[in-house]
Amino acid sequence: MRRARDGYSYQPVPRVPTDEVLEHENERMAQELSGKISSLKDISIELGNEVRYQEKLIRGLDDDVDRSSGFLGKTMGRVLKLGKGNHNYYIFYLFLFSIFIFFVLYIVLKLR
């Protein structure tokens, strides 16, 4: 009586499972495992597809960077070559061109 009052409930002694019950349990667990394996297979296939797509994007980006760095290198070489030349009139020509542009803009804006 004391055990029932302290929250103790009766637990029957477990029966020894039969071969049929064990076989059924193994089949159920094998089906669950098969489902999990197929899920993992689908996930790994999707990961492979995503990796191939990302690799393609990175390769394209790498090619673009190589092309732009080559273009930038050629441009810098031309600028350095231009700076080393004996033509000191480039700044003077640039100044005259900017004055001409400002003059044309002044006339166009004044006529409106």
PDB file of N, CA and C in Angstrom:
ATOM      1  N   MET A   1       0.797  -1.187   0.000  1.00  0.00           N
ATOM      2  CA  MET A   1       0.000   0.000   0.000  1.00  0.00           C
ATOM      3  C   MET A   1       0.847   1.262   0.000  1.00  0.00           C
ATOM      4  N   ARG A   2       1.925   1.206   0.631  1.00  0.00           N
ATOM      5  CA  ARG A   2       2.754   2.388   0.746  1.00  0.00           C
ATOM      6  C   ARG A   2       3.291   2.816  -0.617  1.00  0.00           C
ATOM      7  N   ARG A   3       3.660   1.871  -1.485  1.00  0.00           N
ATOM      8  CA  ARG A   3       4.190   2.216  -2.799  1.00  0.00           C
ATOM      9  C   ARG A   3       3.146   2.904  -3.663  1.00  0.00           C
ATOM     10  N   ALA A   4       1.927   2.504  -3.620  1.00  0.00           N
ATOM     11  CA  ALA A   4       0.875   3.122  -4.412  1.00  0.00           C
ATOM     12  C   ALA A   4       0.638   4.550  -3.969  1.00  0.00           C
ATOM     13  N   ARG A   5       0.802   4.808  -2.717  1.00  0.00           N
ATOM     14  CA  ARG A   5       0.588   6.143  -2.191  1.00  0.00           C
ATOM     15  C   ARG A   5       1.728   7.084  -2.569  1.00  0.00           C
ATOM     16  N   ASP A   6       2.934   6.598  -2.788  1.00  0.00           N
ATOM     17  CA  ASP A   6       4.096   7.433  -3.108  1.00  0.00           C
ATOM     18  C   ASP A   6       4.265   7.655  -4.613  1.00  0.00           C
ATOM     19  N   GLY A   7       3.279   7.313  -5.421  1.00  0.00           N
ATOM     20  CA  GLY A   7       3.369   7.536  -6.856  1.00  0.00           C
ATOM     21  C   GLY A   7       3.937   6.354  -7.599  1.00  0.00           C
ATOM     22  N   TYR A   8       4.068   5.234  -6.958  1.00  0.00           N
ATOM     23  CA  TYR A   8       4.585   4.036  -7.616  1.00  0.00           C
ATOM     24  C   TYR A   8       3.453   3.393  -8.378  1.00  0.00           C
ATOM     25  N   SER A   9       3.691   3.119  -9.653  1.00  0.00           N
ATOM     26  CA  SER A   9       2.677   2.424 -10.431  1.00  0.00           C
ATOM     27  C   SER A   9       3.203   1.066 -10.831  1.00  0.00           C
ATOM     28  N   TYR A  10       2.322   0.184 -11.059  1.00  0.00           N
ATOM     29  CA  TYR A  10       2.680  -1.189 -11.397  1.00  0.00           C
ATOM     30  C   TYR A  10       3.234  -1.256 -12.804  1.00  0.00           C
ATOM     31  N   GLN A  11       4.371  -1.863 -12.947  1.00  0.00           N
ATOM     32  CA  GLN A  11       5.006  -2.072 -14.240  1.00  0.00           C
ATOM     33  C   GLN A  11       5.101  -3.578 -14.456  1.00  0.00           C
ATOM     34  N   PRO A  12       4.411  -4.088 -15.452  1.00  0.00           N
ATOM     35  CA  PRO A  12       4.497  -5.536 -15.671  1.00  0.00           C
ATOM     36  C   PRO A  12       5.873  -5.920 -16.205  1.00  0.00           C
ATOM     37  N   VAL A  13       6.241  -7.114 -15.979  1.00  0.00           N
ATOM     38  CA  VAL A  13       7.524  -7.636 -16.462  1.00  0.00           C
ATOM     39  C   VAL A  13       7.430  -7.757 -17.978  1.00  0.00           C
ATOM     40  N   PRO A  14       8.403  -7.195 -18.720  1.00  0.00           N
ATOM     41  CA  PRO A  14       8.304  -7.255 -20.172  1.00  0.00           C
ATOM     42  C   PRO A  14       8.392  -8.688 -20.676  1.00  0.00           C
ATOM     43  N   ARG A  15       7.601  -8.936 -21.706  1.00  0.00           N
ATOM     44  CA  ARG A  15       7.611 -10.266 -22.297  1.00  0.00           C
ATOM     45  C   ARG A  15       8.784 -10.369 -23.255  1.00  0.00           C
ATOM     46  N   VAL A  16       9.251 -11.539 -23.436  1.00  0.00           N
ATOM     47  CA  VAL A  16      10.317 -11.794 -24.393  1.00  0.00           C
ATOM     48  C   VAL A  16       9.686 -11.772 -25.775  1.00  0.00           C
ATOM     49  N   PRO A  17      10.191 -10.872 -26.667  1.00  0.00           N
ATOM     50  CA  PRO A  17       9.560 -10.794 -27.983  1.00  0.00           C
ATOM     51  C   PRO A  17       9.790 -12.061 -28.793  1.00  0.00           C
ATOM     52  N   THR A  18       8.821 -12.354 -29.592  1.00  0.00           N
ATOM     53  CA  THR A  18       8.930 -13.535 -30.448  1.00  0.00           C
ATOM     54  C   THR A  18       9.682 -13.172 -31.711  1.00  0.00           C
ATOM     55  N   ASP A  19      10.007 -14.194 -32.465  1.00  0.00           N
ATOM     56  CA  ASP A  19      10.732 -13.973 -33.718  1.00  0.00           C
ATOM     57  C   ASP A  19       9.906 -13.143 -34.688  1.00  0.00           C
ATOM     58  N   GLU A  20       8.622 -13.348 -34.691  1.00  0.00           N
ATOM     59  CA  GLU A  20       7.750 -12.606 -35.600  1.00  0.00           C
ATOM     60  C   GLU A  20       7.736 -11.119 -35.261  1.00  0.00           C
ATOM     61  N   VAL A  21       7.671 -10.801 -33.965  1.00  0.00           N
ATOM     62  CA  VAL A  21       7.679  -9.398 -33.539  1.00  0.00           C
ATOM     63  C   VAL A  21       9.024  -8.761 -33.856  1.00  0.00           C
ATOM     64  N   LEU A  22      10.097  -9.481 -33.613  1.00  0.00           N
ATOM     65  CA  LEU A  22      11.439  -8.954 -33.921  1.00  0.00           C
ATOM     66  C   LEU A  22      11.609  -8.732 -35.423  1.00  0.00           C
ATOM     67  N   GLU A  23      11.121  -9.649 -36.229  1.00  0.00           N
ATOM     68  CA  GLU A  23      11.217  -9.504 -37.681  1.00  0.00           C
ATOM     69  C   GLU A  23      10.434  -8.280 -38.155  1.00  0.00           C
ATOM     70  N   HIS A  24       9.232  -8.097 -37.602  1.00  0.00           N
ATOM     71  CA  HIS A  24       8.419  -6.930 -37.965  1.00  0.00           C
ATOM     72  C   HIS A  24       9.129  -5.632 -37.568  1.00  0.00           C
ATOM     73  N   GLU A  25       9.713  -5.614 -36.389  1.00  0.00           N
ATOM     74  CA  GLU A  25      10.439  -4.424 -35.913  1.00  0.00           C
ATOM     75  C   GLU A  25      11.656  -4.143 -36.794  1.00  0.00           C
ATOM     76  N   ASN A  26      12.368  -5.193 -37.184  1.00  0.00           N
ATOM     77  CA  ASN A  26      13.525  -5.017 -38.076  1.00  0.00           C
ATOM     78  C   ASN A  26      13.100  -4.479 -39.437  1.00  0.00           C
ATOM     79  N   GLU A  27      11.989  -4.962 -39.971  1.00  0.00           N
ATOM     80  CA  GLU A  27      11.480  -4.469 -41.254  1.00  0.00           C
ATOM     81  C   GLU A  27      11.123  -2.982 -41.162  1.00  0.00           C
ATOM     82  N   ARG A  28      10.462  -2.605 -40.091  1.00  0.00           N
ATOM     83  CA  ARG A  28      10.074  -1.204 -39.897  1.00  0.00           C
ATOM     84  C   ARG A  28      11.308  -0.316 -39.802  1.00  0.00           C
ATOM     85  N   MET A  29      12.298  -0.745 -39.031  1.00  0.00           N
ATOM     86  CA  MET A  29      13.523   0.041 -38.879  1.00  0.00           C
ATOM     87  C   MET A  29      14.309   0.098 -40.196  1.00  0.00           C
ATOM     88  N   ALA A  30      14.281  -0.998 -40.975  1.00  0.00           N
ATOM     89  CA  ALA A  30      14.966  -1.002 -42.273  1.00  0.00           C
ATOM     90  C   ALA A  30      14.291  -0.025 -43.227  1.00  0.00           C
ATOM     91  N   GLN A  31      12.973   0.071 -43.199  1.00  0.00           N
ATOM     92  CA  GLN A  31      12.272   1.023 -44.050  1.00  0.00           C
ATOM     93  C   GLN A  31      12.584   2.461 -43.645  1.00  0.00           C
ATOM     94  N   GLU A  32      12.641   2.726 -42.332  1.00  0.00           N
ATOM     95  CA  GLU A  32      13.004   4.069 -41.865  1.00  0.00           C
ATOM     96  C   GLU A  32      14.421   4.419 -42.320  1.00  0.00           C
ATOM     97  N   LEU A  33      15.323   3.454 -42.179  1.00  0.00           N
ATOM     98  CA  LEU A  33      16.713   3.684 -42.575  1.00  0.00           C
ATOM     99  C   LEU A  33      16.809   3.902 -44.085  1.00  0.00           C
ATOM    100  N   SER A  34      16.042   3.174 -44.853  1.00  0.00           N
ATOM    101  CA  SER A  34      16.036   3.353 -46.300  1.00  0.00           C
ATOM    102  C   SER A  34      15.549   4.749 -46.680  1.00  0.00           C
ATOM    103  N   GLY A  35      14.510   5.223 -45.983  1.00  0.00           N
ATOM    104  CA  GLY A  35      14.016   6.578 -46.234  1.00  0.00           C
ATOM    105  C   GLY A  35      15.061   7.628 -45.913  1.00  0.00           C
ATOM    106  N   LYS A  36      15.759   7.454 -44.798  1.00  0.00           N
ATOM    107  CA  LYS A  36      16.802   8.413 -44.419  1.00  0.00           C
ATOM    108  C   LYS A  36      17.961   8.387 -45.411  1.00  0.00           C
ATOM    109  N   ILE A  37      18.308   7.196 -45.885  1.00  0.00           N
ATOM    110  CA  ILE A  37      19.402   7.083 -46.853  1.00  0.00           C
ATOM    111  C   ILE A  37      19.027   7.762 -48.164  1.00  0.00           C
ATOM    112  N   SER A  38      17.799   7.574 -48.610  1.00  0.00           N
ATOM    113  CA  SER A  38      17.388   8.228 -49.861  1.00  0.00           C
ATOM    114  C   SER A  38      17.354   9.750 -49.693  1.00  0.00           C
ATOM    115  N   SER A  39      16.964  10.225 -48.497  1.00  0.00           N
ATOM    116  CA  SER A  39      16.995  11.671 -48.244  1.00  0.00           C
ATOM    117  C   SER A  39      18.425  12.193 -48.306  1.00  0.00           C
ATOM    118  N   LEU A  40      19.355  11.468 -47.676  1.00  0.00           N
ATOM    119  CA  LEU A  40      20.761  11.877 -47.717  1.00  0.00           C
ATOM    120  C   LEU A  40      21.314  11.846 -49.139  1.00  0.00           C
ATOM    121  N   LYS A  41      20.890  10.869 -49.934  1.00  0.00           N
ATOM    122  CA  LYS A  41      21.331  10.786 -51.325  1.00  0.00           C
ATOM    123  C   LYS A  41      20.845  11.999 -52.109  1.00  0.00           C
ATOM    124  N   ASP A  42      19.569  12.363 -51.929  1.00  0.00           N
ATOM    125  CA  ASP A  42      19.025  13.532 -52.626  1.00  0.00           C
ATOM    126  C   ASP A  42      19.755  14.804 -52.217  1.00  0.00           C
ATOM    127  N   ILE A  43      20.034  14.940 -50.916  1.00  0.00           N
ATOM    128  CA  ILE A  43      20.742  16.131 -50.427  1.00  0.00           C
ATOM    129  C   ILE A  43      22.152  16.188 -51.006  1.00  0.00           C
ATOM    130  N   SER A  44      22.842  15.043 -51.052  1.00  0.00           N
ATOM    131  CA  SER A  44      24.208  15.054 -51.582  1.00  0.00           C
ATOM    132  C   SER A  44      24.215  15.363 -53.077  1.00  0.00           C
ATOM    133  N   ILE A  45      23.201  14.890 -53.820  1.00  0.00           N
ATOM    134  CA  ILE A  45      23.119  15.213 -55.248  1.00  0.00           C
ATOM    135  C   ILE A  45      22.897  16.711 -55.429  1.00  0.00           C
ATOM    136  N   GLU A  46      22.009  17.294 -54.639  1.00  0.00           N
ATOM    137  CA  GLU A  46      21.770  18.740 -54.722  1.00  0.00           C
ATOM    138  C   GLU A  46      23.018  19.535 -54.338  1.00  0.00           C
ATOM    139  N   LEU A  47      23.737  19.064 -53.323  1.00  0.00           N
ATOM    140  CA  LEU A  47      24.985  19.742 -52.941  1.00  0.00           C
ATOM    141  C   LEU A  47      26.001  19.685 -54.083  1.00  0.00           C
ATOM    142  N   GLY A  48      26.106  18.538 -54.749  1.00  0.00           N
ATOM    143  CA  GLY A  48      27.021  18.416 -55.884  1.00  0.00           C
ATOM    144  C   GLY A  48      26.654  19.374 -57.007  1.00  0.00           C
ATOM    145  N   ASN A  49      25.353  19.478 -57.295  1.00  0.00           N
ATOM    146  CA  ASN A  49      24.906  20.416 -58.332  1.00  0.00           C
ATOM    147  C   ASN A  49      25.239  21.850 -57.949  1.00  0.00           C
ATOM    148  N   GLU A  50      25.020  22.199 -56.688  1.00  0.00           N
ATOM    149  CA  GLU A  50      25.313  23.561 -56.224  1.00  0.00           C
ATOM    150  C   GLU A  50      26.807  23.858 -56.281  1.00  0.00           C
ATOM    151  N   VAL A  51      27.623  22.874 -55.924  1.00  0.00           N
ATOM    152  CA  VAL A  51      29.081  23.061 -55.974  1.00  0.00           C
ATOM    153  C   VAL A  51      29.536  23.281 -57.412  1.00  0.00           C
ATOM    154  N   ARG A  52      28.991  22.495 -58.345  1.00  0.00           N
ATOM    155  CA  ARG A  52      29.367  22.690 -59.751  1.00  0.00           C
ATOM    156  C   ARG A  52      28.940  24.064 -60.256  1.00  0.00           C
ATOM    157  N   TYR A  53      27.756  24.514 -59.871  1.00  0.00           N
ATOM    158  CA  TYR A  53      27.278  25.838 -60.280  1.00  0.00           C
ATOM    159  C   TYR A  53      28.161  26.941 -59.706  1.00  0.00           C
ATOM    160  N   GLN A  54      28.501  26.839 -58.412  1.00  0.00           N
ATOM    161  CA  GLN A  54      29.357  27.851 -57.785  1.00  0.00           C
ATOM    162  C   GLN A  54      30.754  27.850 -58.393  1.00  0.00           C
ATOM    163  N   GLU A  55      31.264  26.664 -58.724  1.00  0.00           N
ATOM    164  CA  GLU A  55      32.585  26.584 -59.344  1.00  0.00           C
ATOM    165  C   GLU A  55      32.577  27.265 -60.709  1.00  0.00           C
ATOM    166  N   LYS A  56      31.484  27.081 -61.463  1.00  0.00           N
ATOM    167  CA  LYS A  56      31.353  27.736 -62.764  1.00  0.00           C
ATOM    168  C   LYS A  56      31.340  29.253 -62.607  1.00  0.00           C
ATOM    169  N   LEU A  57      30.599  29.757 -61.613  1.00  0.00           N
ATOM    170  CA  LEU A  57      30.566  31.196 -61.364  1.00  0.00           C
ATOM    171  C   LEU A  57      31.935  31.736 -60.970  1.00  0.00           C
ATOM    172  N   ILE A  58      32.621  31.016 -60.116  1.00  0.00           N
ATOM    173  CA  ILE A  58      33.944  31.473 -59.653  1.00  0.00           C
ATOM    174  C   ILE A  58      34.935  31.466 -60.807  1.00  0.00           C
ATOM    175  N   ARG A  59      34.862  30.442 -61.663  1.00  0.00           N
ATOM    176  CA  ARG A  59      35.751  30.409 -62.828  1.00  0.00           C
ATOM    177  C   ARG A  59      35.508  31.606 -63.742  1.00  0.00           C
ATOM    178  N   GLY A  60      34.233  31.927 -63.966  1.00  0.00           N
ATOM    179  CA  GLY A  60      33.895  33.090 -64.791  1.00  0.00           C
ATOM    180  C   GLY A  60      34.394  34.378 -64.171  1.00  0.00           C
ATOM    181  N   LEU A  61      34.246  34.497 -62.850  1.00  0.00           N
ATOM    182  CA  LEU A  61      34.735  35.682 -62.147  1.00  0.00           C
ATOM    183  C   LEU A  61      36.246  35.781 -62.253  1.00  0.00           C
ATOM    184  N   ASP A  62      36.924  34.659 -62.137  1.00  0.00           N
ATOM    185  CA  ASP A  62      38.380  34.645 -62.249  1.00  0.00           C
ATOM    186  C   ASP A  62      38.826  35.090 -63.641  1.00  0.00           C
ATOM    187  N   ASP A  63      38.121  34.620 -64.666  1.00  0.00           N
ATOM    188  CA  ASP A  63      38.452  35.036 -66.034  1.00  0.00           C
ATOM    189  C   ASP A  63      38.228  36.537 -66.222  1.00  0.00           C
ATOM    190  N   ASP A  64      37.123  37.042 -65.671  1.00  0.00           N
ATOM    191  CA  ASP A  64      36.848  38.481 -65.780  1.00  0.00           C
ATOM    192  C   ASP A  64      37.913  39.306 -65.082  1.00  0.00           C
ATOM    193  N   VAL A  65      38.346  38.864 -63.911  1.00  0.00           N
ATOM    194  CA  VAL A  65      39.392  39.592 -63.177  1.00  0.00           C
ATOM    195  C   VAL A  65      40.704  39.558 -63.943  1.00  0.00           C
ATOM    196  N   ASP A  66      41.026  38.417 -64.530  1.00  0.00           N
ATOM    197  CA  ASP A  66      42.262  38.337 -65.326  1.00  0.00           C
ATOM    198  C   ASP A  66      42.222  39.288 -66.512  1.00  0.00           C
ATOM    199  N   ARG A  67      41.063  39.327 -67.198  1.00  0.00           N
ATOM    200  CA  ARG A  67      40.945  40.232 -68.341  1.00  0.00           C
ATOM    201  C   ARG A  67      41.055  41.691 -67.918  1.00  0.00           C
ATOM    202  N   SER A  68      40.392  42.044 -66.828  1.00  0.00           N
ATOM    203  CA  SER A  68      40.423  43.445 -66.392  1.00  0.00           C
ATOM    204  C   SER A  68      41.802  43.831 -65.863  1.00  0.00           C
ATOM    205  N   SER A  69      42.493  42.890 -65.208  1.00  0.00           N
ATOM    206  CA  SER A  69      43.835  43.236 -64.739  1.00  0.00           C
ATOM    207  C   SER A  69      44.788  43.412 -65.916  1.00  0.00           C
ATOM    208  N   GLY A  70      44.622  42.623 -66.970  1.00  0.00           N
ATOM    209  CA  GLY A  70      45.448  42.814 -68.163  1.00  0.00           C
ATOM    210  C   GLY A  70      45.165  44.152 -68.823  1.00  0.00           C
ATOM    211  N   PHE A  71      43.888  44.508 -68.906  1.00  0.00           N
ATOM    212  CA  PHE A  71      43.503  45.803 -69.483  1.00  0.00           C
ATOM    213  C   PHE A  71      44.042  46.943 -68.638  1.00  0.00           C
ATOM    214  N   LEU A  72      43.937  46.812 -67.311  1.00  0.00           N
ATOM    215  CA  LEU A  72      44.433  47.862 -66.418  1.00  0.00           C
ATOM    216  C   LEU A  72      45.953  47.984 -66.522  1.00  0.00           C
ATOM    217  N   GLY A  73      46.633  46.849 -66.637  1.00  0.00           N
ATOM    218  CA  GLY A  73      48.095  46.890 -66.777  1.00  0.00           C
ATOM    219  C   GLY A  73      48.520  47.601 -68.049  1.00  0.00           C
ATOM    220  N   LYS A  74      47.812  47.322 -69.144  1.00  0.00           N
ATOM    221  CA  LYS A  74      48.140  47.994 -70.409  1.00  0.00           C
ATOM    222  C   LYS A  74      47.875  49.492 -70.313  1.00  0.00           C
ATOM    223  N   THR A  75      46.770  49.854 -69.668  1.00  0.00           N
ATOM    224  CA  THR A  75      46.430  51.271 -69.527  1.00  0.00           C
ATOM    225  C   THR A  75      47.470  51.989 -68.662  1.00  0.00           C
ATOM    226  N   MET A  76      47.864  51.360 -67.578  1.00  0.00           N
ATOM    227  CA  MET A  76      48.881  51.984 -66.720  1.00  0.00           C
ATOM    228  C   MET A  76      50.213  52.128 -67.459  1.00  0.00           C
ATOM    229  N   GLY A  77      50.542  51.148 -68.271  1.00  0.00           N
ATOM    230  CA  GLY A  77      51.768  51.255 -69.067  1.00  0.00           C
ATOM    231  C   GLY A  77      51.708  52.430 -70.028  1.00  0.00           C
ATOM    232  N   ARG A  78      50.544  52.638 -70.640  1.00  0.00           N
ATOM    233  CA  ARG A  78      50.394  53.774 -71.555  1.00  0.00           C
ATOM    234  C   ARG A  78      50.474  55.101 -70.812  1.00  0.00           C
ATOM    235  N   VAL A  79      49.866  55.152 -69.631  1.00  0.00           N
ATOM    236  CA  VAL A  79      49.911  56.395 -68.844  1.00  0.00           C
ATOM    237  C   VAL A  79      51.334  56.702 -68.421  1.00  0.00           C
ATOM    238  N   LEU A  80      52.058  55.684 -67.971  1.00  0.00           N
ATOM    239  CA  LEU A  80      53.453  55.911 -67.580  1.00  0.00           C
ATOM    240  C   LEU A  80      54.306  56.323 -68.782  1.00  0.00           C
ATOM    241  N   LYS A  81      54.055  55.723 -69.919  1.00  0.00           N
ATOM    242  CA  LYS A  81      54.787  56.095 -71.130  1.00  0.00           C
ATOM    243  C   LYS A  81      54.481  57.533 -71.517  1.00  0.00           C
ATOM    244  N   LEU A  82      53.221  57.912 -71.377  1.00  0.00           N
ATOM    245  CA  LEU A  82      52.823  59.282 -71.693  1.00  0.00           C
ATOM    246  C   LEU A  82      53.477  60.264 -70.725  1.00  0.00           C
ATOM    247  N   GLY A  83      53.569  59.885 -69.449  1.00  0.00           N
ATOM    248  CA  GLY A  83      54.181  60.768 -68.451  1.00  0.00           C
ATOM    249  C   GLY A  83      55.672  60.927 -68.632  1.00  0.00           C
ATOM    250  N   LYS A  84      56.319  59.921 -69.175  1.00  0.00           N
ATOM    251  CA  LYS A  84      57.763  59.990 -69.359  1.00  0.00           C
ATOM    252  C   LYS A  84      58.162  60.727 -70.641  1.00  0.00           C
ATOM    253  N   GLY A  85      57.198  61.007 -71.481  1.00  0.00           N
ATOM    254  CA  GLY A  85      57.504  61.666 -72.763  1.00  0.00           C
ATOM    255  C   GLY A  85      57.928  63.120 -72.548  1.00  0.00           C
ATOM    256  N   ASN A  86      58.459  63.699 -73.575  1.00  0.00           N
ATOM    257  CA  ASN A  86      58.942  65.076 -73.524  1.00  0.00           C
ATOM    258  C   ASN A  86      57.867  66.067 -73.927  1.00  0.00           C
ATOM    259  N   HIS A  87      56.633  65.641 -73.973  1.00  0.00           N
ATOM    260  CA  HIS A  87      55.537  66.512 -74.372  1.00  0.00           C
ATOM    261  C   HIS A  87      54.976  67.199 -73.138  1.00  0.00           C
ATOM    262  N   ASN A  88      55.414  68.414 -72.909  1.00  0.00           N
ATOM    263  CA  ASN A  88      54.976  69.148 -71.731  1.00  0.00           C
ATOM    264  C   ASN A  88      53.732  69.979 -71.998  1.00  0.00           C
ATOM    265  N   TYR A  89      53.216  69.915 -73.190  1.00  0.00           N
ATOM    266  CA  TYR A  89      52.074  70.751 -73.545  1.00  0.00           C
ATOM    267  C   TYR A  89      50.723  70.101 -73.267  1.00  0.00           C
ATOM    268  N   TYR A  90      50.685  68.876 -72.746  1.00  0.00           N
ATOM    269  CA  TYR A  90      49.406  68.202 -72.495  1.00  0.00           C
ATOM    270  C   TYR A  90      48.552  68.944 -71.483  1.00  0.00           C
ATOM    271  N   ILE A  91      49.150  69.432 -70.436  1.00  0.00           N
ATOM    272  CA  ILE A  91      48.392  70.171 -69.420  1.00  0.00           C
ATOM    273  C   ILE A  91      47.889  71.490 -69.999  1.00  0.00           C
ATOM    274  N   PHE A  92      48.719  72.122 -70.802  1.00  0.00           N
ATOM    275  CA  PHE A  92      48.293  73.364 -71.440  1.00  0.00           C
ATOM    276  C   PHE A  92      47.107  73.114 -72.385  1.00  0.00           C
ATOM    277  N   TYR A  93      47.150  72.039 -73.169  1.00  0.00           N
ATOM    278  CA  TYR A  93      46.041  71.688 -74.057  1.00  0.00           C
ATOM    279  C   TYR A  93      44.784  71.341 -73.264  1.00  0.00           C
ATOM    280  N   LEU A  94      44.942  70.645 -72.155  1.00  0.00           N
ATOM    281  CA  LEU A  94      43.803  70.302 -71.301  1.00  0.00           C
ATOM    282  C   LEU A  94      43.177  71.556 -70.708  1.00  0.00           C
ATOM    283  N   PHE A  95      44.009  72.492 -70.313  1.00  0.00           N
ATOM    284  CA  PHE A  95      43.507  73.760 -69.770  1.00  0.00           C
ATOM    285  C   PHE A  95      42.744  74.538 -70.848  1.00  0.00           C
ATOM    286  N   LEU A  96      43.279  74.635 -72.051  1.00  0.00           N
ATOM    287  CA  LEU A  96      42.581  75.323 -73.138  1.00  0.00           C
ATOM    288  C   LEU A  96      41.261  74.630 -73.484  1.00  0.00           C
ATOM    289  N   PHE A  97      41.248  73.305 -73.475  1.00  0.00           N
ATOM    290  CA  PHE A  97      40.032  72.561 -73.769  1.00  0.00           C
ATOM    291  C   PHE A  97      38.959  72.827 -72.706  1.00  0.00           C
ATOM    292  N   SER A  98      39.350  72.850 -71.440  1.00  0.00           N
ATOM    293  CA  SER A  98      38.364  73.108 -70.375  1.00  0.00           C
ATOM    294  C   SER A  98      37.828  74.539 -70.463  1.00  0.00           C
ATOM    295  N   ILE A  99      38.660  75.489 -70.797  1.00  0.00           N
ATOM    296  CA  ILE A  99      38.177  76.869 -70.965  1.00  0.00           C
ATOM    297  C   ILE A  99      37.196  76.938 -72.135  1.00  0.00           C
ATOM    298  N   PHE A 100      37.507  76.255 -73.217  1.00  0.00           N
ATOM    299  CA  PHE A 100      36.604  76.228 -74.369  1.00  0.00           C
ATOM    300  C   PHE A 100      35.250  75.611 -73.992  1.00  0.00           C
ATOM    301  N   ILE A 101      35.261  74.515 -73.257  1.00  0.00           N
ATOM    302  CA  ILE A 101      34.009  73.862 -72.831  1.00  0.00           C
ATOM    303  C   ILE A 101      33.205  74.794 -71.938  1.00  0.00           C
ATOM    304  N   PHE A 102      33.857  75.448 -70.987  1.00  0.00           N
ATOM    305  CA  PHE A 102      33.137  76.383 -70.113  1.00  0.00           C
ATOM    306  C   PHE A 102      32.547  77.552 -70.921  1.00  0.00           C
ATOM    307  N   PHE A 103      33.289  78.019 -71.895  1.00  0.00           N
ATOM    308  CA  PHE A 103      32.799  79.098 -72.743  1.00  0.00           C
ATOM    309  C   PHE A 103      31.569  78.664 -73.537  1.00  0.00           C
ATOM    310  N   VAL A 104      31.609  77.474 -74.113  1.00  0.00           N
ATOM    311  CA  VAL A 104      30.467  76.954 -74.873  1.00  0.00           C
ATOM    312  C   VAL A 104      29.269  76.771 -73.951  1.00  0.00           C
ATOM    313  N   LEU A 105      29.471  76.241 -72.765  1.00  0.00           N
ATOM    314  CA  LEU A 105      28.370  76.071 -71.810  1.00  0.00           C
ATOM    315  C   LEU A 105      27.785  77.423 -71.382  1.00  0.00           C
ATOM    316  N   TYR A 106      28.644  78.408 -71.206  1.00  0.00           N
ATOM    317  CA  TYR A 106      28.177  79.750 -70.826  1.00  0.00           C
ATOM    318  C   TYR A 106      27.277  80.317 -71.915  1.00  0.00           C
ATOM    319  N   ILE A 107      27.694  80.171 -73.164  1.00  0.00           N
ATOM    320  CA  ILE A 107      26.902  80.711 -74.279  1.00  0.00           C
ATOM    321  C   ILE A 107      25.573  79.966 -74.398  1.00  0.00           C
ATOM    322  N   VAL A 108      25.606  78.646 -74.277  1.00  0.00           N
ATOM    323  CA  VAL A 108      24.382  77.854 -74.413  1.00  0.00           C
ATOM    324  C   VAL A 108      23.416  78.181 -73.287  1.00  0.00           C
ATOM    325  N   LEU A 109      23.874  78.317 -72.078  1.00  0.00           N
ATOM    326  CA  LEU A 109      22.999  78.621 -70.947  1.00  0.00           C
ATOM    327  C   LEU A 109      22.472  80.069 -70.975  1.00  0.00           C
ATOM    328  N   LYS A 110      23.273  80.981 -71.522  1.00  0.00           N
ATOM    329  CA  LYS A 110      22.856  82.384 -71.593  1.00  0.00           C
ATOM    330  C   LYS A 110      21.759  82.577 -72.648  1.00  0.00           C
ATOM    331  N   LEU A 111      21.799  81.798 -73.743  1.00  0.00           N
ATOM    332  CA  LEU A 111      20.818  81.929 -74.805  1.00  0.00           C
ATOM    333  C   LEU A 111      19.457  81.351 -74.410  1.00  0.00           C
ATOM    334  N   ARG A 112      19.364  80.585 -73.450  1.00  0.00           N
ATOM    335  CA  ARG A 112      18.082  80.001 -73.030  1.00  0.00           C
ATOM    336  C   ARG A 112      17.246  80.968 -72.355  1.00  0.00           C
TER     337      ARG A 112
END
